[in-house]
Protein backbone atom coordinates (compact mmCIF):
# COMPACT_ATOMS: atom_id res chain seq x y z
CA UNK A 1 114.95 131.22 102.03
CA UNK A 2 113.40 128.42 104.07
CA UNK A 3 110.45 129.46 106.24
CA UNK A 4 111.13 129.32 109.98
CA UNK A 5 108.50 127.39 111.95
CA UNK A 6 107.11 128.94 115.15
CA UNK A 7 109.27 128.12 118.16
CA UNK A 8 107.53 125.74 120.54
CA UNK A 9 109.30 127.25 123.57
CA UNK A 10 111.15 130.49 124.34
CA UNK A 11 114.64 130.62 122.82
CA UNK A 12 117.36 131.26 125.40
CA UNK A 13 120.54 130.60 123.42
CA UNK A 14 121.67 130.76 119.77
CA UNK A 15 124.67 128.66 118.69
CA UNK A 16 126.50 129.81 115.55
CA UNK A 17 128.70 128.03 113.05
CA UNK A 18 131.41 130.40 111.78
CA UNK A 19 132.57 129.54 108.22
CA UNK A 20 129.97 130.52 105.59
CA UNK A 21 127.47 131.22 108.37
CA UNK A 22 128.54 133.94 110.82
CA UNK A 23 131.10 135.23 108.33
CA UNK A 24 131.65 134.69 104.61
CA UNK A 25 134.46 132.38 103.55
CA UNK A 26 136.50 129.66 105.24
CA UNK A 27 139.05 130.74 107.84
CA UNK A 28 141.48 127.87 107.10
CA UNK A 29 141.45 128.50 103.35
CA UNK A 30 140.78 131.75 101.54
CA UNK A 31 140.12 133.94 104.57
CA UNK A 32 136.86 135.48 105.74
CA UNK A 33 134.73 138.58 105.36
CA UNK A 34 132.57 139.88 108.25
CA UNK A 35 128.82 140.16 107.67
CA UNK A 36 127.62 143.29 109.50
CA UNK A 37 123.98 142.18 109.73
CA UNK A 38 125.07 139.01 111.53
CA UNK A 39 127.13 140.88 114.11
CA UNK A 40 124.17 143.21 114.70
CA UNK A 41 121.89 140.18 115.06
CA UNK A 42 124.13 138.79 117.83
CA UNK A 43 123.95 142.13 119.65
CA UNK A 44 120.19 142.44 119.17
CA UNK A 45 119.65 138.99 120.64
CA UNK A 46 121.91 139.79 123.60
CA UNK A 47 119.91 142.96 124.30
CA UNK A 48 116.86 140.70 124.59
CA UNK A 49 118.62 138.43 127.08
CA UNK A 50 119.36 135.77 124.45
CA UNK A 51 123.14 135.15 124.39
CA UNK A 52 125.03 133.51 121.52
CA UNK A 53 127.65 130.77 121.48
CA UNK A 54 129.73 129.05 118.79
CA UNK A 55 130.11 125.50 117.48
CA UNK A 56 132.78 125.60 114.76
CA UNK A 57 135.33 123.20 113.28
CA UNK A 58 138.31 125.52 113.17
CA UNK A 59 141.67 126.08 114.82
CA UNK A 60 140.55 127.57 118.14
CA UNK A 61 143.16 130.30 118.53
CA UNK A 62 142.86 131.44 114.90
CA UNK A 63 139.07 131.69 115.17
CA UNK A 64 139.22 133.57 118.47
CA UNK A 65 141.79 135.95 117.00
CA UNK A 66 139.47 136.64 114.06
CA UNK A 67 136.56 137.31 116.41
CA UNK A 68 138.79 139.62 118.44
CA UNK A 69 139.74 141.53 115.30
CA UNK A 70 136.04 141.95 114.52
CA UNK A 71 135.32 143.17 118.05
CA UNK A 72 133.00 140.19 118.60
CA UNK A 73 134.92 137.81 120.87
CA UNK A 74 133.23 138.95 124.09
CA UNK A 75 129.75 138.66 122.56
CA UNK A 76 129.92 134.84 122.55
CA UNK A 77 129.72 132.67 125.64
CA UNK A 78 131.65 129.37 125.92
CA UNK A 79 132.61 129.05 122.23
CA UNK A 80 133.15 125.38 121.28
CA UNK A 81 135.84 125.71 118.60
CA UNK A 82 137.82 122.64 117.57
CA UNK A 83 137.41 119.46 115.59
CA UNK A 84 135.16 117.36 117.80
CA UNK A 85 131.63 116.49 116.64
CA UNK A 86 129.41 119.56 116.93
CA UNK A 87 126.43 117.64 118.27
CA UNK A 88 128.27 116.48 121.37
CA UNK A 89 129.73 119.95 121.89
CA UNK A 90 126.28 121.55 121.75
CA UNK A 91 124.91 118.89 124.12
CA UNK A 92 127.69 119.70 126.60
CA UNK A 93 126.99 123.42 126.23
CA UNK A 94 123.27 122.93 126.90
CA UNK A 95 124.08 120.92 130.02
CA UNK A 96 126.61 123.47 131.26
CA UNK A 97 124.18 126.38 130.85
CA UNK A 98 121.37 124.38 132.48
CA UNK A 99 119.11 124.67 129.44
CA UNK A 100 116.95 122.30 127.43
CA UNK A 101 117.50 121.62 123.73
CA UNK A 102 114.04 123.06 123.00
CA UNK A 103 115.37 126.44 124.20
CA UNK A 104 118.31 126.50 121.80
CA UNK A 105 118.75 127.38 118.11
CA UNK A 106 121.73 126.11 116.09
CA UNK A 107 122.68 127.82 112.78
CA UNK A 108 124.92 125.97 110.31
CA UNK A 109 125.07 126.02 106.49
CA UNK A 110 125.95 122.29 106.32
CA UNK A 111 122.90 120.01 106.23
CA UNK A 112 124.84 116.98 107.43
CA UNK A 113 126.14 118.86 110.47
CA UNK A 114 122.63 120.09 111.31
CA UNK A 115 121.36 116.52 111.09
CA UNK A 116 124.14 115.27 113.37
CA UNK A 117 123.42 118.04 115.90
CA UNK A 118 119.68 117.37 115.83
CA UNK A 119 120.34 113.68 116.42
CA UNK A 120 122.64 114.42 119.38
CA UNK A 121 120.25 117.02 120.86
CA UNK A 122 116.60 116.00 120.35
CA UNK A 123 114.40 119.10 120.35
CA UNK A 124 117.15 121.40 119.03
CA UNK A 125 115.99 123.89 116.37
CA UNK A 126 118.41 123.84 113.42
CA UNK A 127 118.47 126.59 110.81
CA UNK A 128 120.49 126.80 107.60
CA UNK A 129 121.01 130.57 107.59
CA UNK A 130 121.11 133.51 110.02
CA UNK A 131 118.62 135.17 107.69
CA UNK A 132 116.05 132.56 108.75
CA UNK A 133 116.54 133.63 112.38
CA UNK A 134 116.44 137.33 111.52
CA UNK A 135 113.14 136.79 109.70
CA UNK A 136 111.68 135.29 112.90
CA UNK A 137 112.68 138.09 115.29
CA UNK A 138 109.06 139.15 115.69
CA UNK A 139 107.98 135.68 116.84
CA UNK A 140 107.10 135.36 120.56
CA UNK A 141 109.76 132.69 120.99
CA UNK A 142 112.49 135.27 120.27
CA UNK A 143 110.99 138.10 122.29
CA UNK A 144 113.24 137.42 125.29
CA UNK A 145 113.26 140.15 127.92
CA UNK A 146 114.84 143.58 127.87
CA UNK A 147 118.47 143.26 129.02
CA UNK A 148 120.32 146.50 128.22
CA UNK A 149 123.20 145.65 130.60
CA UNK A 150 123.63 142.14 129.15
CA UNK A 151 123.33 140.48 132.55
CA UNK A 152 122.17 137.18 131.05
CA UNK A 153 125.35 137.02 128.94
CA UNK A 154 127.42 137.46 132.10
CA UNK A 155 125.38 134.82 133.97
CA UNK A 156 125.91 132.25 131.22
CA UNK A 157 129.62 133.05 131.11
CA UNK A 158 129.86 132.32 134.86
CA UNK A 159 127.97 129.04 134.45
CA UNK A 160 130.29 127.97 131.64
CA UNK A 161 133.41 128.79 133.64
CA UNK A 162 132.33 126.27 136.30
CA UNK A 163 131.92 123.52 133.73
CA UNK A 164 134.74 122.24 131.51
CA UNK A 165 132.89 122.33 128.21
CA UNK A 166 135.76 121.26 126.05
CA UNK A 167 136.58 118.26 128.23
CA UNK A 168 132.94 117.18 128.31
CA UNK A 169 132.61 117.63 124.58
CA UNK A 170 135.80 115.73 123.79
CA UNK A 171 134.86 112.82 126.04
CA UNK A 172 131.41 112.59 124.48
CA UNK A 173 132.82 112.80 120.95
CA UNK A 174 135.36 110.07 121.67
CA UNK A 175 132.61 107.87 123.10
CA UNK A 176 130.66 108.37 119.88
CA UNK A 177 133.71 107.41 117.81
CA UNK A 178 134.27 104.28 119.87
CA UNK A 179 130.77 102.99 119.24
CA UNK A 180 130.90 103.87 115.53
CA UNK A 181 133.02 100.78 114.65
CA UNK A 182 135.31 102.75 112.32
CA UNK A 183 137.35 100.59 109.95
CA UNK A 184 140.24 101.59 107.68
CA UNK A 185 141.27 99.58 104.64
CA UNK A 186 144.57 100.24 102.83
CA UNK A 187 144.66 99.30 99.15
CA UNK A 188 147.98 99.35 97.27
CA UNK A 189 146.41 98.70 93.86
CA UNK A 190 146.08 102.38 92.98
CA UNK A 191 146.12 102.51 89.17
CA UNK A 192 142.40 101.68 88.72
CA UNK A 193 141.61 104.67 90.92
CA UNK A 194 143.91 107.33 89.46
CA UNK A 195 141.12 109.75 88.59
CA UNK A 196 139.71 109.62 92.12
CA UNK A 197 143.20 110.01 93.63
CA UNK A 198 144.02 113.05 91.50
CA UNK A 199 140.61 114.57 92.24
CA UNK A 200 141.32 114.10 95.96
CA UNK A 201 144.76 115.68 95.70
CA UNK A 202 143.50 118.69 93.75
CA UNK A 203 140.24 119.37 95.59
CA UNK A 204 141.08 118.62 99.20
CA UNK A 205 142.56 121.46 101.20
CA UNK A 206 141.78 121.21 104.91
CA UNK A 207 143.38 117.76 105.26
CA UNK A 208 145.88 118.00 102.40
CA UNK A 209 149.13 118.01 104.35
CA UNK A 210 151.52 118.15 101.38
CA UNK A 211 149.48 120.14 98.83
CA UNK A 212 151.38 118.85 95.79
CA UNK A 213 148.67 119.45 93.20
CA UNK A 214 148.41 117.64 89.86
CA UNK A 215 146.75 120.20 87.59
CA UNK A 216 148.24 119.61 84.11
CA UNK A 217 148.68 116.68 81.77
CA UNK A 218 152.42 116.93 82.27
CA UNK A 219 152.04 116.82 86.06
CA UNK A 220 149.74 113.81 85.77
CA UNK A 221 152.24 111.98 83.59
CA UNK A 222 155.06 112.66 86.08
CA UNK A 223 152.85 111.53 88.95
CA UNK A 224 151.99 108.25 87.23
CA UNK A 225 155.68 107.62 86.51
CA UNK A 226 156.52 108.37 90.13
CA UNK A 227 154.17 105.67 91.38
CA UNK A 228 156.40 102.97 89.84
CA UNK A 229 159.77 104.42 90.74
CA UNK A 230 162.12 102.62 93.08
CA UNK A 231 161.42 103.35 96.73
CA UNK A 232 157.95 104.88 96.19
CA UNK A 233 154.93 103.17 97.71
CA UNK A 234 151.44 104.56 97.07
CA UNK A 235 148.28 103.55 98.88
CA UNK A 236 144.64 104.55 98.94
CA UNK A 237 142.65 104.74 102.14
CA UNK A 238 139.08 103.53 102.42
CA UNK A 239 136.97 104.22 105.51
CA UNK A 240 133.71 102.73 106.73
CA UNK A 241 131.80 102.56 109.97
CA UNK A 242 128.53 101.04 111.11
CA UNK A 243 126.65 103.94 109.55
CA UNK A 244 128.24 104.17 106.12
CA UNK A 245 130.87 103.18 103.60
CA UNK A 246 132.77 106.42 102.88
CA UNK A 247 134.79 104.93 100.04
CA UNK A 248 138.18 106.29 98.96
CA UNK A 249 138.86 109.21 101.28
CA UNK A 250 142.64 109.28 101.49
CA UNK A 251 145.90 108.78 99.61
CA UNK A 252 149.53 108.56 100.62
CA UNK A 253 152.81 108.18 98.75
CA UNK A 254 155.91 107.27 100.75
CA UNK A 255 159.55 107.34 99.66
CA UNK A 256 161.94 104.92 101.35
CA UNK A 257 165.67 104.98 100.56
CA UNK A 258 168.84 104.40 102.53
CA UNK A 259 168.83 108.07 103.45
CA UNK A 260 165.18 108.90 104.06
CA UNK A 261 161.70 107.65 104.78
CA UNK A 262 159.23 110.41 103.97
CA UNK A 263 155.71 111.21 102.78
CA UNK A 264 155.48 112.81 99.34
CA UNK A 265 151.66 112.86 99.33
CA UNK A 266 149.39 112.72 102.37
CA UNK A 267 145.82 113.86 101.77
CA UNK A 268 142.33 113.09 103.05
CA UNK A 269 138.79 114.16 102.26
CA UNK A 270 137.09 116.46 104.75
CA UNK A 271 134.33 113.83 104.95
CA UNK A 272 136.39 112.10 107.64
CA UNK A 273 137.42 115.29 109.43
CA UNK A 274 137.77 114.86 113.16
CA UNK A 275 137.62 111.07 113.52
CA UNK A 276 141.36 110.40 113.70
CA UNK A 277 141.90 108.60 110.39
CA UNK A 278 144.91 110.68 109.36
CA UNK A 279 146.72 109.92 112.63
CA UNK A 280 145.77 106.25 112.43
CA UNK A 281 147.27 105.95 108.92
CA UNK A 282 150.34 107.98 109.94
CA UNK A 283 150.96 105.61 112.84
CA UNK A 284 150.32 102.62 110.58
CA UNK A 285 153.06 103.89 108.26
CA UNK A 286 155.36 104.28 111.31
CA UNK A 287 155.40 108.09 111.12
CA UNK A 288 157.51 108.97 108.07
CA UNK A 289 159.07 112.42 107.82
CA UNK A 290 156.69 114.98 106.34
CA UNK A 291 156.82 118.69 105.55
CA UNK A 292 153.33 119.96 106.31
CA UNK A 293 152.20 122.80 104.06
CA UNK A 294 149.86 125.11 105.95
CA UNK A 295 147.05 125.81 106.33
CA UNK A 296 145.57 122.51 107.50
CA UNK A 297 142.52 121.94 109.66
CA UNK A 298 144.49 120.38 112.49
CA UNK A 299 147.79 118.56 113.11
CA UNK A 300 148.29 114.99 111.90
CA UNK A 301 148.78 113.89 115.50
CA UNK A 302 145.92 115.30 117.58
CA UNK A 303 145.13 112.41 119.96
CA UNK A 304 147.19 110.60 122.55
CA UNK A 305 146.27 107.42 120.69
CA UNK A 306 143.67 106.37 118.13
CA UNK A 307 142.41 103.08 119.49
CA UNK A 308 138.84 103.28 118.20
CA UNK A 309 139.81 102.41 114.59
CA UNK A 310 140.52 98.90 113.32
CA UNK A 311 141.76 97.54 110.01
CA UNK A 312 139.30 95.91 107.65
CA UNK A 313 136.77 96.44 104.92
CA UNK A 314 133.20 97.62 105.30
CA UNK A 315 130.42 95.68 106.92
CA UNK A 316 126.72 95.73 106.16
CA UNK A 317 124.47 95.44 103.14
CA UNK A 318 125.17 98.87 101.68
CA UNK A 319 128.74 97.75 100.98
CA UNK A 320 127.34 95.72 98.05
CA UNK A 321 127.38 98.94 96.00
CA UNK A 322 131.05 99.65 96.65
CA UNK A 323 132.22 98.57 93.17
CA UNK A 324 129.34 100.14 91.22
CA UNK A 325 129.90 103.45 89.47
CA UNK A 326 127.17 105.68 90.78
CA UNK A 327 126.41 109.23 89.64
CA UNK A 328 124.23 111.47 91.81
CA UNK A 329 122.77 114.81 90.71
CA UNK A 330 120.80 117.04 93.05
CA UNK A 331 121.13 119.13 96.19
CA UNK A 332 123.47 118.71 99.13
CA UNK A 333 121.48 115.70 100.39
CA UNK A 334 122.97 113.73 97.48
CA UNK A 335 126.29 113.85 99.32
CA UNK A 336 124.70 112.24 102.36
CA UNK A 337 123.05 109.58 100.24
CA UNK A 338 126.23 108.80 98.30
CA UNK A 339 128.12 108.28 101.56
CA UNK A 340 125.91 105.27 102.26
CA UNK A 341 125.76 104.01 98.69
CA UNK A 342 129.03 103.60 96.87
CA UNK A 343 132.79 103.68 97.08
CA UNK A 344 132.96 104.77 93.45
CA UNK A 345 130.55 107.66 93.08
CA UNK A 346 130.57 111.06 91.44
CA UNK A 347 128.34 113.75 92.90
CA UNK A 348 127.11 116.81 91.01
CA UNK A 349 125.71 118.85 93.87
CA UNK A 350 126.35 122.22 95.45
CA UNK A 351 129.89 123.55 95.02
CA UNK A 352 131.63 126.65 96.30
CA UNK A 353 132.65 129.43 93.92
CA UNK A 354 134.49 132.20 95.78
CA UNK A 355 132.12 131.99 98.73
CA UNK A 356 128.96 131.59 96.61
CA UNK A 357 127.06 128.34 96.16
CA UNK A 358 127.00 126.89 92.65
CA UNK A 359 124.13 124.46 92.12
CA UNK A 360 124.41 121.66 89.57
CA UNK A 361 120.79 120.51 89.84
CA UNK A 362 120.31 122.86 86.92
CA UNK A 363 118.56 121.58 83.76
CA UNK A 364 120.93 123.58 81.57
CA UNK A 365 123.92 121.83 83.15
CA UNK A 366 122.44 118.62 81.68
CA UNK A 367 121.09 120.05 78.44
CA UNK A 368 124.14 122.09 77.38
CA UNK A 369 126.10 120.35 74.60
CA UNK A 370 128.57 123.06 73.56
CA UNK A 371 131.42 122.90 76.07
CA UNK A 372 133.54 125.24 73.95
CA UNK A 373 130.82 127.89 74.05
CA UNK A 374 130.85 127.76 77.85
CA UNK A 375 134.64 127.92 77.88
CA UNK A 376 134.65 130.99 75.60
CA UNK A 377 132.04 132.81 77.67
CA UNK A 378 133.33 136.01 79.26
CA UNK A 379 130.61 136.02 81.89
CA UNK A 380 130.56 132.38 83.03
CA UNK A 381 133.81 132.65 85.00
CA UNK A 382 132.34 135.38 87.19
CA UNK A 383 129.12 133.54 88.05
CA UNK A 384 128.23 130.77 90.55
CA UNK A 385 127.10 128.52 87.68
CA UNK A 386 128.34 125.43 85.89
CA UNK A 387 131.45 125.84 83.74
CA UNK A 388 133.29 123.89 81.05
CA UNK A 389 135.17 121.78 83.62
CA UNK A 390 131.85 120.70 85.14
CA UNK A 391 130.56 119.68 81.70
CA UNK A 392 133.67 117.64 80.94
CA UNK A 393 133.38 115.90 84.30
CA UNK A 394 129.69 115.27 83.58
CA UNK A 395 130.46 113.59 80.26
CA UNK A 396 133.14 111.35 81.76
CA UNK A 397 130.93 110.29 84.67
CA UNK A 398 127.85 109.57 82.57
CA UNK A 399 129.73 107.62 79.92
CA UNK A 400 130.45 104.63 82.17
CA UNK A 401 127.89 104.99 84.96
CA UNK A 402 126.22 101.85 86.30
CA UNK A 403 123.36 103.88 87.76
CA UNK A 404 122.21 107.46 88.28
CA UNK A 405 120.30 108.88 91.23
CA UNK A 406 118.70 112.25 90.55
CA UNK A 407 116.66 114.72 92.58
CA UNK A 408 115.33 117.53 90.37
CA UNK A 409 112.62 119.17 92.46
CA UNK A 410 114.67 122.36 92.85
CA UNK A 411 114.48 122.82 89.09
CA UNK A 412 110.85 123.80 89.68
CA UNK A 413 111.97 126.94 91.52
CA UNK A 414 112.67 130.32 89.90
CA UNK A 415 116.03 132.17 89.69
CA UNK A 416 116.80 131.36 86.06
CA UNK A 417 118.92 134.00 84.28
CA UNK A 418 120.30 134.36 80.75
CA UNK A 419 123.47 136.26 79.83
CA UNK A 420 124.29 138.27 76.72
CA UNK A 421 125.71 135.17 75.01
CA UNK A 422 122.41 133.36 75.35
CA UNK A 423 123.64 131.05 78.12
CA UNK A 424 121.09 130.22 80.82
CA UNK A 425 121.68 128.97 84.36
CA UNK A 426 119.75 128.53 87.60
CA UNK A 427 121.19 130.29 90.63
CA UNK A 428 120.97 129.38 94.27
CA UNK A 429 118.73 131.88 96.06
CA UNK A 430 121.22 132.68 98.80
CA UNK A 431 124.10 132.97 96.31
CA UNK A 432 122.00 135.35 94.21
CA UNK A 433 121.23 137.46 97.27
CA UNK A 434 124.93 137.69 98.19
CA UNK A 435 125.87 138.49 94.61
CA UNK A 436 123.37 141.35 94.43
CA UNK A 437 124.69 142.70 97.74
CA UNK A 438 128.29 142.66 96.50
CA UNK A 439 130.32 145.00 94.29
CA UNK A 440 129.32 142.77 91.35
CA UNK A 441 125.66 143.78 91.58
CA UNK A 442 125.72 146.45 88.86
CA UNK A 443 127.67 144.20 86.48
CA UNK A 444 125.20 141.37 87.12
CA UNK A 445 122.18 143.61 86.50
CA UNK A 446 123.62 144.84 83.21
CA UNK A 447 124.71 141.40 82.03
CA UNK A 448 121.97 139.01 83.12
CA UNK A 449 118.27 138.89 82.26
CA UNK A 450 115.75 137.15 84.50
CA UNK A 451 113.89 134.34 82.71
CA UNK A 452 110.29 134.00 83.83
CA UNK A 453 109.54 130.35 83.11
CA UNK A 454 105.95 129.26 83.75
CA UNK A 455 105.18 126.09 85.71
CA UNK A 456 104.65 124.26 82.43
CA UNK A 457 107.98 125.49 81.06
CA UNK A 458 109.85 124.43 84.21
CA UNK A 459 108.13 121.05 84.06
CA UNK A 460 109.32 120.72 80.49
CA UNK A 461 112.89 121.52 81.59
CA UNK A 462 112.73 118.63 84.08
CA UNK A 463 111.33 116.34 81.39
CA UNK A 464 114.00 117.32 78.86
CA UNK A 465 116.78 116.94 81.44
CA UNK A 466 115.72 113.39 82.32
CA UNK A 467 115.48 112.32 78.71
CA UNK A 468 118.87 113.86 77.90
CA UNK A 469 120.38 111.83 80.75
CA UNK A 470 118.80 108.73 79.23
CA UNK A 471 120.54 109.54 75.94
CA UNK A 472 123.91 110.25 77.54
CA UNK A 473 124.19 107.06 79.64
CA UNK A 474 124.86 103.40 78.72
CA UNK A 475 121.85 101.33 77.69
CA UNK A 476 121.88 99.23 80.87
CA UNK A 477 122.33 102.20 83.20
CA UNK A 478 119.24 102.76 85.36
CA UNK A 479 118.21 106.32 86.21
CA UNK A 480 116.67 106.35 89.68
CA UNK A 481 114.41 109.38 90.05
CA UNK A 482 113.67 110.47 93.61
CA UNK A 483 110.27 111.88 94.48
CA UNK A 484 109.94 114.76 96.91
CA UNK A 485 108.88 114.24 100.52
CA UNK A 486 105.23 115.22 101.15
CA UNK A 487 105.07 114.33 104.86
CA UNK A 488 104.97 116.87 107.70
CA UNK A 489 103.98 119.54 105.18
CA UNK A 490 100.40 120.24 106.23
CA UNK A 491 101.39 123.66 107.59
CA UNK A 492 102.78 124.60 104.15
CA UNK A 493 99.86 124.08 101.75
CA UNK A 494 101.40 125.79 98.72
CA UNK A 495 104.80 124.02 98.85
CA UNK A 496 102.97 120.75 99.52
CA UNK A 497 100.86 121.27 96.40
CA UNK A 498 103.97 121.97 94.32
CA UNK A 499 105.70 118.86 95.66
CA UNK A 500 102.71 116.71 94.75
CA UNK A 501 102.60 118.20 91.27
CA UNK A 502 106.31 117.48 90.86
CA UNK A 503 105.85 113.88 92.01
CA UNK A 504 103.06 113.40 89.47
CA UNK A 505 105.31 114.92 86.79
CA UNK A 506 108.27 112.58 87.36
CA UNK A 507 105.96 109.58 87.81
CA UNK A 508 104.54 110.26 84.36
CA UNK A 509 108.00 110.64 82.83
CA UNK A 510 109.21 107.44 84.48
CA UNK A 511 106.19 105.50 83.24
CA UNK A 512 107.31 106.05 79.66
CA UNK A 513 110.56 104.04 79.58
CA UNK A 514 112.35 101.08 81.10
CA UNK A 515 115.34 103.35 81.57
CA UNK A 516 113.90 105.04 84.65
CA UNK A 517 112.91 103.81 88.10
CA UNK A 518 110.80 106.02 90.33
CA UNK A 519 111.89 105.86 93.97
CA UNK A 520 109.18 107.10 96.32
CA UNK A 521 110.86 108.69 99.36
CA UNK A 522 107.57 108.74 101.25
CA UNK A 523 107.41 104.95 101.28
CA UNK A 524 111.06 103.87 101.67
CA UNK A 525 112.06 106.19 104.53
CA UNK A 526 110.52 106.59 107.95
CA UNK A 527 108.65 109.80 108.68
CA UNK A 528 110.46 110.21 112.00
CA UNK A 529 113.73 111.01 110.20
CA UNK A 530 112.35 114.12 108.45
CA UNK A 531 113.37 117.47 109.86
CA UNK A 532 113.65 121.22 109.10
CA UNK A 533 111.56 122.17 106.04
CA UNK A 534 111.18 118.61 104.80
CA UNK A 535 114.11 118.85 102.36
CA UNK A 536 116.50 116.96 104.62
CA UNK A 537 116.57 113.91 106.89
CA UNK A 538 118.59 112.59 109.77
CA UNK A 539 121.32 110.15 108.77
CA UNK A 540 119.05 107.13 109.38
CA UNK A 541 116.78 108.41 106.63
CA UNK A 542 119.62 108.52 104.09
CA UNK A 543 120.70 105.05 105.19
CA UNK A 544 117.19 103.75 104.50
CA UNK A 545 117.16 105.53 101.15
CA UNK A 546 120.51 103.95 100.29
CA UNK A 547 119.07 100.52 101.06
CA UNK A 548 116.31 101.22 98.56
CA UNK A 549 118.86 102.29 95.94
CA UNK A 550 120.77 99.08 96.59
CA UNK A 551 117.59 97.05 96.03
CA UNK A 552 117.39 98.54 92.53
CA UNK A 553 121.06 98.46 91.54
CA UNK A 554 121.97 95.18 93.24
CA UNK A 555 118.72 93.21 93.61
CA UNK A 556 118.85 90.23 95.96
CA UNK A 557 117.79 86.90 94.42
CA UNK A 558 114.65 85.31 95.82
CA UNK A 559 115.30 82.45 98.31
CA UNK A 560 116.03 79.10 96.61
CA UNK A 561 116.34 80.85 93.26
CA UNK A 562 119.42 80.27 91.11
CA UNK A 563 118.87 83.32 88.93
CA UNK A 564 118.53 86.96 89.92
CA UNK A 565 115.11 88.56 89.60
CA UNK A 566 114.33 90.29 86.34
CA UNK A 567 114.85 94.02 86.30
CA UNK A 568 111.78 96.16 86.31
CA UNK A 569 110.28 96.34 82.86
CA UNK A 570 108.59 99.71 83.04
CA UNK A 571 110.16 102.95 84.09
CA UNK A 572 107.13 103.84 86.15
CA UNK A 573 107.98 101.28 88.80
CA UNK A 574 107.56 102.63 92.29
CA UNK A 575 109.30 101.06 95.29
CA UNK A 576 106.74 101.04 98.09
CA UNK A 577 108.27 99.01 100.92
CA UNK A 578 109.99 100.20 104.03
CA UNK A 579 113.58 99.23 104.76
CA UNK A 580 113.95 95.79 106.29
CA UNK A 581 110.88 94.44 104.54
CA UNK A 582 110.78 92.60 101.25
CA UNK A 583 110.51 95.13 98.42
CA UNK A 584 107.52 94.87 96.18
CA UNK A 585 106.99 96.68 92.92
CA UNK A 586 103.62 98.25 92.12
CA UNK A 587 103.29 99.58 88.61
CA UNK A 588 101.91 103.07 88.24
CA UNK A 589 98.97 103.72 85.97
CA UNK A 590 100.07 104.10 82.38
CA UNK A 591 100.44 107.67 81.18
CA UNK A 592 100.49 108.45 77.48
């Protein structure tokens, strides 16, 4: 659990995300399970004169009905439930309730959403888990004032009723979209991208309007045949804006005959949720007939018109990576980085397993060679840990990767367990906590054994994982190893010490081979973009980091030079320039 810093000012409002935060699960997908300690936390805060509100991307009526069923609807003031950007909704809420961002806490399990909210509301405190807030209840900033009759909750409800929050939020969100310079590119050459298309069809749910999955070899063969049949027209959808190149985020398959014009496939990644791309493409196709298979996050047509999107490919320097095959392994921040890096990337990050987070920044995910052993395991299917499908995807991605970007600091944490079959995995702390609080706790305790790895042993796991990646990838594939941020950590001396030790560890590993390039986050990103516990950055920070990755993967020739610069010759190279400046390469001291 991340430590909660002292609140600079008294907290007067707490804003909650719903899915995987206030309750377990996703309302639009598998359903949800109430978390009693979270409902009690809302009531405890209200008794202190600190009301709660909601910022959630969900169907409004469905979410309110769920809250009603839980007996919690009246405990939230001015809930902002819909598909507009959360940051603008929270900003409108703060204005309506006549507060300052410094007086508000926002809780959301999604790092990208927290970053967006922090950007829209400077001074806002963003937390990843309600448990972080519960742990801080004794802090003066959450003391509030005794309010047994909940008068403050009623006062805020009156203020909100005099201010149209949803209208203000929608207007602000639309203004943000208009200045984002969103561009959509339709590509009808789909065969080179079949794997990405099928992955999109099978994994997307919230914006998969047809839900015709392709889960067997036979189904794949029929799908490929269908692409060439008379009357069928497939297309992939790429999206970019002035912040990022999102790559392939959509696919459609139309059928046009004398009798019908319909959509057989219509699916989009949730990365572009809420910006109107699905309606834009639907209008571009002249609105074919479609049978929508519920549930979906929101209707295809949800705006009067989508006039903030234009046709065209991406702009900006980061687009130079669009055709490179990039593989990223690490925490959830790898998703943010990949958004700015490549249109052809594979991310091995945090994934959901029945409401529990599965982490793939696990050394054993990289070191494990026996896929069949994982497939035969009777325990692996019940755990939030890598499985045989993950290993097969790993092998495919690494085999033809142009570059890897890895962030392995979390491997230095504990939570390693071994099962009766001798299989070891690293568990996410929050997932482990939920697992031990569930009806699986006794089974887990009887099946799994905690592995106490010393600091030296965990360091060796990082070392072995990096060298195994070097063996598994093509000879010309660079492995870009990210250091850990050490700025704004003075108040956390022990974590700061561990981060510095980790940085020394990976610097030494990288100094041993031309295969690796050390990328120093402290020197290629601006300190102002760091937030929360130093693990995450605002989106500008990931953009700067992507520029540094680009400088390694696609180096720019020197002016007046007819040949590209030579690649770095030692793995210990450290990039030490800020974005916008000319990169220079300072070799690290040699380590035996």
